[in-house]
Protein backbone atom coordinates (compact mmCIF):
# COMPACT_ATOMS: atom_id res chain seq x y z
CA UNK A 1 48.45 15.46 55.27
CA UNK A 2 50.70 15.42 58.24
CA UNK A 3 47.88 14.32 60.45
CA UNK A 4 47.15 11.43 58.06
CA UNK A 5 50.70 10.12 58.28
CA UNK A 6 50.62 10.23 62.08
CA UNK A 7 47.39 8.22 62.11
CA UNK A 8 48.89 5.50 59.84
CA UNK A 9 51.96 5.13 62.10
CA UNK A 10 49.79 4.78 65.19
CA UNK A 11 47.70 2.08 63.48
CA UNK A 12 50.81 0.24 62.36
CA UNK A 13 52.28 0.25 65.85
CA UNK A 14 49.04 -1.06 67.31
CA UNK A 15 49.02 -3.97 64.89
CA UNK A 16 52.67 -5.01 65.44
CA UNK A 17 52.84 -4.48 69.20
CA UNK A 18 53.98 -7.59 71.19
CA UNK A 19 51.94 -8.42 74.26
CA UNK A 20 53.89 -8.54 77.50
CA UNK A 21 54.62 -12.05 78.90
CA UNK A 22 51.77 -13.64 80.87
CA UNK A 23 52.34 -14.46 84.51
CA UNK A 24 53.42 -18.09 85.15
CA UNK A 25 50.24 -19.10 87.00
CA UNK A 26 48.00 -17.79 84.25
CA UNK A 27 50.15 -19.48 81.56
CA UNK A 28 49.98 -22.89 83.28
CA UNK A 29 46.22 -22.57 83.76
CA UNK A 30 45.72 -21.69 80.13
CA UNK A 31 47.97 -24.57 79.02
CA UNK A 32 46.00 -27.03 81.13
CA UNK A 33 42.75 -25.90 79.59
CA UNK A 34 44.00 -26.00 76.02
CA UNK A 35 46.09 -29.24 76.06
CA UNK A 36 44.28 -32.39 74.78
CA UNK A 37 43.04 -35.20 77.04
CA UNK A 38 45.79 -37.51 75.83
CA UNK A 39 48.32 -35.20 77.35
CA UNK A 40 46.92 -36.00 80.81
CA UNK A 41 47.68 -39.75 80.25
CA UNK A 42 50.36 -39.78 77.57
CA UNK A 43 50.37 -42.65 75.10
CA UNK A 44 53.82 -43.83 76.20
CA UNK A 45 52.62 -44.42 79.80
CA UNK A 46 52.19 -48.15 78.97
CA UNK A 47 55.50 -48.24 77.21
CA UNK A 48 54.20 -47.56 73.73
CA UNK A 49 56.78 -46.32 71.24
CA UNK A 50 59.50 -47.61 73.58
CA UNK A 51 59.61 -44.31 75.56
CA UNK A 52 58.61 -45.76 78.99
CA UNK A 53 61.75 -47.07 80.75
CA UNK A 54 59.61 -49.36 83.05
CA UNK A 55 58.03 -51.38 80.24
CA UNK A 56 61.09 -53.54 79.27
CA UNK A 57 61.38 -54.74 82.87
CA UNK A 58 57.70 -55.71 83.01
CA UNK A 59 57.99 -57.46 79.63
CA UNK A 60 61.05 -59.44 80.78
CA UNK A 61 59.32 -60.42 84.01
CA UNK A 62 56.26 -61.62 82.06
CA UNK A 63 58.41 -63.69 79.70
CA UNK A 64 60.25 -65.27 82.64
CA UNK A 65 56.93 -66.24 84.20
CA UNK A 66 55.78 -67.81 80.92
CA UNK A 67 59.01 -69.81 80.68
CA UNK A 68 58.71 -70.94 84.30
CA UNK A 69 55.10 -72.03 83.71
CA UNK A 70 56.11 -74.01 80.61
CA UNK A 71 58.92 -75.71 82.58
CA UNK A 72 56.48 -76.57 85.37
CA UNK A 73 53.99 -78.00 82.86
CA UNK A 74 56.69 -80.14 81.19
CA UNK A 75 57.92 -81.40 84.57
CA UNK A 76 54.39 -82.26 85.67
CA UNK A 77 53.75 -84.13 82.39
CA UNK A 78 57.00 -86.11 82.79
CA UNK A 79 56.07 -87.00 86.38
CA UNK A 80 52.66 -88.24 85.21
CA UNK A 81 54.30 -90.46 82.57
CA UNK A 82 56.74 -91.88 85.13
CA UNK A 83 53.94 -92.51 87.63
CA UNK A 84 51.86 -94.29 84.97
CA UNK A 85 54.83 -96.47 83.96
CA UNK A 86 55.61 -97.40 87.56
CA UNK A 87 51.96 -98.22 88.21
CA UNK A 88 51.84 -100.45 85.12
CA UNK A 89 55.00 -102.30 86.20
CA UNK A 90 53.70 -102.80 89.73
CA UNK A 91 50.38 -104.01 88.36
CA UNK A 92 52.13 -106.51 86.09
CA UNK A 93 54.12 -107.93 88.99
CA UNK A 94 51.29 -107.85 91.49
CA UNK A 95 48.72 -109.39 89.13
CA UNK A 96 49.64 -113.02 89.91
CA UNK A 97 49.84 -112.23 93.64
CA UNK A 98 46.42 -110.57 93.61
CA UNK A 99 45.01 -113.49 91.63
CA UNK A 100 46.40 -115.90 94.23
CA UNK A 101 44.88 -113.83 97.05
CA UNK A 102 41.50 -113.79 95.30
CA UNK A 103 41.71 -117.54 94.75
CA UNK A 104 42.53 -118.15 98.43
CA UNK A 105 39.63 -115.94 99.53
CA UNK A 106 37.28 -117.79 97.17
CA UNK A 107 38.41 -121.12 98.62
CA UNK A 108 37.88 -119.88 102.17
CA UNK A 109 34.42 -118.50 101.45
CA UNK A 110 33.04 -121.29 99.24
CA UNK A 111 35.26 -124.26 100.06
CA UNK A 112 35.76 -124.82 96.32
CA UNK A 113 38.79 -124.33 94.10
CA UNK A 114 38.62 -122.87 90.60
CA UNK A 115 40.75 -125.35 88.66
CA UNK A 116 40.72 -123.20 85.54
CA UNK A 117 42.00 -120.16 87.48
CA UNK A 118 44.81 -122.20 88.99
CA UNK A 119 45.89 -123.59 85.64
CA UNK A 120 45.70 -120.16 84.03
CA UNK A 121 47.86 -118.80 86.83
CA UNK A 122 50.42 -121.56 86.24
CA UNK A 123 50.43 -120.95 82.49
CA UNK A 124 50.97 -117.21 83.00
CA UNK A 125 53.76 -117.84 85.53
CA UNK A 126 55.44 -120.47 83.33
CA UNK A 127 55.47 -123.05 86.13
CA UNK A 128 53.19 -125.25 88.19
CA UNK A 129 51.97 -123.28 91.23
CA UNK A 130 53.66 -124.18 94.50
CA UNK A 131 51.51 -126.77 96.25
CA UNK A 132 50.20 -128.34 93.02
CA UNK A 133 50.92 -131.89 91.88
CA UNK A 134 49.92 -133.34 88.53
CA UNK A 135 49.86 -137.13 88.74
CA UNK A 136 49.43 -139.50 85.81
CA UNK A 137 49.11 -143.27 86.09
CA UNK A 138 48.57 -146.20 83.77
CA UNK A 139 48.06 -149.92 84.35
CA UNK A 140 47.54 -151.54 80.96
CA UNK A 141 47.69 -155.16 79.80
CA UNK A 142 46.66 -157.73 77.22
CA UNK A 143 48.53 -156.32 74.26
CA UNK A 144 46.95 -156.99 70.90
CA UNK A 145 50.27 -157.52 69.16
CA UNK A 146 53.98 -157.83 69.88
CA UNK A 147 56.31 -155.00 68.82
CA UNK A 148 58.46 -156.10 65.87
CA UNK A 149 61.80 -157.55 66.96
CA UNK A 150 61.06 -157.28 70.68
CA UNK A 151 59.92 -159.67 73.34
CA UNK A 152 56.29 -159.63 74.30
CA UNK A 153 55.17 -156.61 76.31
CA UNK A 154 52.08 -157.76 78.13
CA UNK A 155 51.57 -154.79 80.39
CA UNK A 156 52.50 -151.18 81.11
CA UNK A 157 52.55 -149.87 84.62
CA UNK A 158 53.67 -146.34 85.40
CA UNK A 159 52.92 -143.53 87.83
CA UNK A 160 54.47 -140.05 87.57
CA UNK A 161 54.17 -136.86 89.53
CA UNK A 162 54.96 -133.39 88.22
CA UNK A 163 55.82 -130.62 90.67
CA UNK A 164 57.03 -127.06 90.11
CA UNK A 165 60.68 -127.99 89.46
CA UNK A 166 60.85 -131.80 89.36
CA UNK A 167 59.32 -134.94 87.92
CA UNK A 168 59.12 -138.05 90.08
CA UNK A 169 58.67 -141.74 89.40
CA UNK A 170 56.21 -143.02 91.98
CA UNK A 171 55.22 -146.37 93.37
CA UNK A 172 51.55 -146.57 94.32
CA UNK A 173 50.26 -148.82 97.07
CA UNK A 174 46.57 -149.38 97.67
CA UNK A 175 45.19 -150.27 101.08
CA UNK A 176 41.42 -150.72 101.12
CA UNK A 177 39.97 -147.34 100.09
CA UNK A 178 43.25 -145.42 100.40
CA UNK A 179 46.20 -145.19 98.02
CA UNK A 180 49.60 -143.95 99.08
CA UNK A 181 52.36 -142.75 96.74
CA UNK A 182 56.08 -143.11 97.36
CA UNK A 183 58.60 -141.30 95.20
CA UNK A 184 61.47 -143.55 94.20
CA UNK A 185 63.26 -141.40 91.62
CA UNK A 186 63.33 -137.66 90.91
CA UNK A 187 64.79 -135.46 88.20
CA UNK A 188 64.96 -131.71 87.63
CA UNK A 189 62.16 -130.67 85.32
CA UNK A 190 60.86 -127.46 83.76
CA UNK A 191 57.10 -127.51 84.30
CA UNK A 192 56.38 -124.43 82.17
CA UNK A 193 54.17 -126.36 79.71
CA UNK A 194 52.20 -128.60 82.07
CA UNK A 195 49.39 -126.14 82.82
CA UNK A 196 49.26 -125.17 79.15
CA UNK A 197 49.00 -128.83 78.13
CA UNK A 198 46.12 -129.41 80.55
CA UNK A 199 44.23 -126.35 79.32
CA UNK A 200 44.90 -126.94 75.62
CA UNK A 201 44.15 -130.64 76.08
CA UNK A 202 40.66 -129.72 77.38
CA UNK A 203 41.08 -131.45 80.74
CA UNK A 204 38.27 -129.42 82.30
CA UNK A 205 35.92 -130.07 79.38
CA UNK A 206 36.67 -133.82 79.48
CA UNK A 207 35.80 -133.96 83.17
CA UNK A 208 32.41 -132.39 82.46
CA UNK A 209 31.52 -135.49 80.38
CA UNK A 210 29.76 -133.68 77.53
CA UNK A 211 31.53 -135.44 74.68
CA UNK A 212 29.91 -136.93 71.59
CA UNK A 213 29.89 -140.38 70.04
CA UNK A 214 29.83 -143.90 71.48
CA UNK A 215 31.71 -144.75 74.66
CA UNK A 216 35.21 -146.09 74.02
CA UNK A 217 38.36 -146.56 76.07
CA UNK A 218 42.15 -146.76 75.84
CA UNK A 219 42.12 -144.89 72.53
CA UNK A 220 45.58 -144.62 70.97
CA UNK A 221 47.04 -147.66 72.71
CA UNK A 222 47.49 -151.26 71.64
CA UNK A 223 45.92 -152.45 74.90
CA UNK A 224 42.29 -153.34 75.44
CA UNK A 225 42.38 -153.93 79.21
CA UNK A 226 43.46 -151.69 82.04
CA UNK A 227 43.07 -148.09 83.17
CA UNK A 228 44.67 -144.62 82.87
CA UNK A 229 44.22 -141.50 84.95
CA UNK A 230 45.24 -137.86 85.17
CA UNK A 231 44.91 -136.18 88.54
CA UNK A 232 45.48 -132.58 89.68
CA UNK A 233 46.17 -132.24 93.40
CA UNK A 234 46.12 -128.86 95.12
CA UNK A 235 47.41 -128.62 98.68
CA UNK A 236 46.77 -132.31 99.27
CA UNK A 237 43.26 -132.29 97.80
CA UNK A 238 42.28 -133.70 94.41
CA UNK A 239 40.58 -130.93 92.41
CA UNK A 240 40.49 -132.62 88.98
CA UNK A 241 40.41 -136.33 88.21
CA UNK A 242 40.21 -137.87 84.75
CA UNK A 243 39.92 -141.64 84.71
CA UNK A 244 39.14 -144.32 82.17
CA UNK A 245 38.98 -148.05 82.75
CA UNK A 246 38.31 -151.21 80.79
CA UNK A 247 38.50 -153.53 83.76
CA UNK A 248 36.24 -154.63 86.60
CA UNK A 249 35.12 -151.05 87.22
CA UNK A 250 34.19 -149.96 83.73
CA UNK A 251 34.53 -146.24 83.18
CA UNK A 252 34.54 -144.94 79.62
CA UNK A 253 34.30 -141.55 77.90
CA UNK A 254 32.39 -140.76 74.77
CA UNK A 255 34.55 -140.92 71.69
CA UNK A 256 35.42 -137.22 71.36
CA UNK A 257 36.42 -137.01 75.02
CA UNK A 258 38.17 -140.41 74.93
CA UNK A 259 40.37 -139.29 72.04
CA UNK A 260 41.16 -135.98 73.76
CA UNK A 261 41.98 -137.82 77.00
CA UNK A 262 44.27 -140.29 75.21
CA UNK A 263 46.15 -137.48 73.43
CA UNK A 264 46.55 -135.53 76.68
CA UNK A 265 47.84 -138.55 78.59
CA UNK A 266 50.41 -139.34 75.90
CA UNK A 267 51.52 -135.73 75.79
CA UNK A 268 52.22 -135.71 79.54
CA UNK A 269 53.73 -139.17 79.69
CA UNK A 270 56.10 -138.50 76.78
CA UNK A 271 57.76 -135.72 78.79
CA UNK A 272 58.66 -138.18 81.55
CA UNK A 273 59.81 -140.91 79.17
CA UNK A 274 62.41 -138.50 77.77
CA UNK A 275 63.99 -138.32 81.25
CA UNK A 276 63.26 -141.64 82.92
CA UNK A 277 62.53 -144.98 81.32
CA UNK A 278 59.37 -146.53 82.81
């Protein structure tokens, strides 16, 4: 019985005995073998769970770079808008100058002047181009009837010249095949509508002579003898000449052109009559 008790105590001691501590080198080796792979590169190495002190700095630096990039993009966009606006303004101002240069080059290369381009340029600029003269002249007689309450008016003689800033009353003198013009009276004048009147009045189409109807002359007047003319002079050279005559040298337009010519002449002449009595 005694032996049995001794055996139980020995067994109990063997089961409850604490192993002595393992040397440090063996403990570290065992820990390295048993620890999981994630322990080698812990999850907070990239700043997860807010435990990496270096991550907030990298995040702030990234945000600053994003803000700087957005500022650069906005500045670049604003510069592009400004550049486009400046280019548009320069183009608007240089358009007439470039058109004039192209017109001069065309004249030099072909020896011809584009009347339509010149008139369009004047209409856009709101003035007759420098170097252009628009001359109108009438020599009419043999009135069909006397104006009521006035003495007989047997003839109408007038010659006017429009320039960029003035209108002039002119005396014409013919010498063989040459006619000279002397200005005897001048007044300040806004020529902004002259080119428009010539274009809207179909001056170029009238000169082409493609009207319809029978040939007639002096439409819109009470005269049946005489002549009228509209002349565009560019740098001393006539580039457009409209002329009708019921005199020795008969020159008539077909009815549609004759009516357009008469309306255009009256439109131009009325602007001078408001300033100077013929």
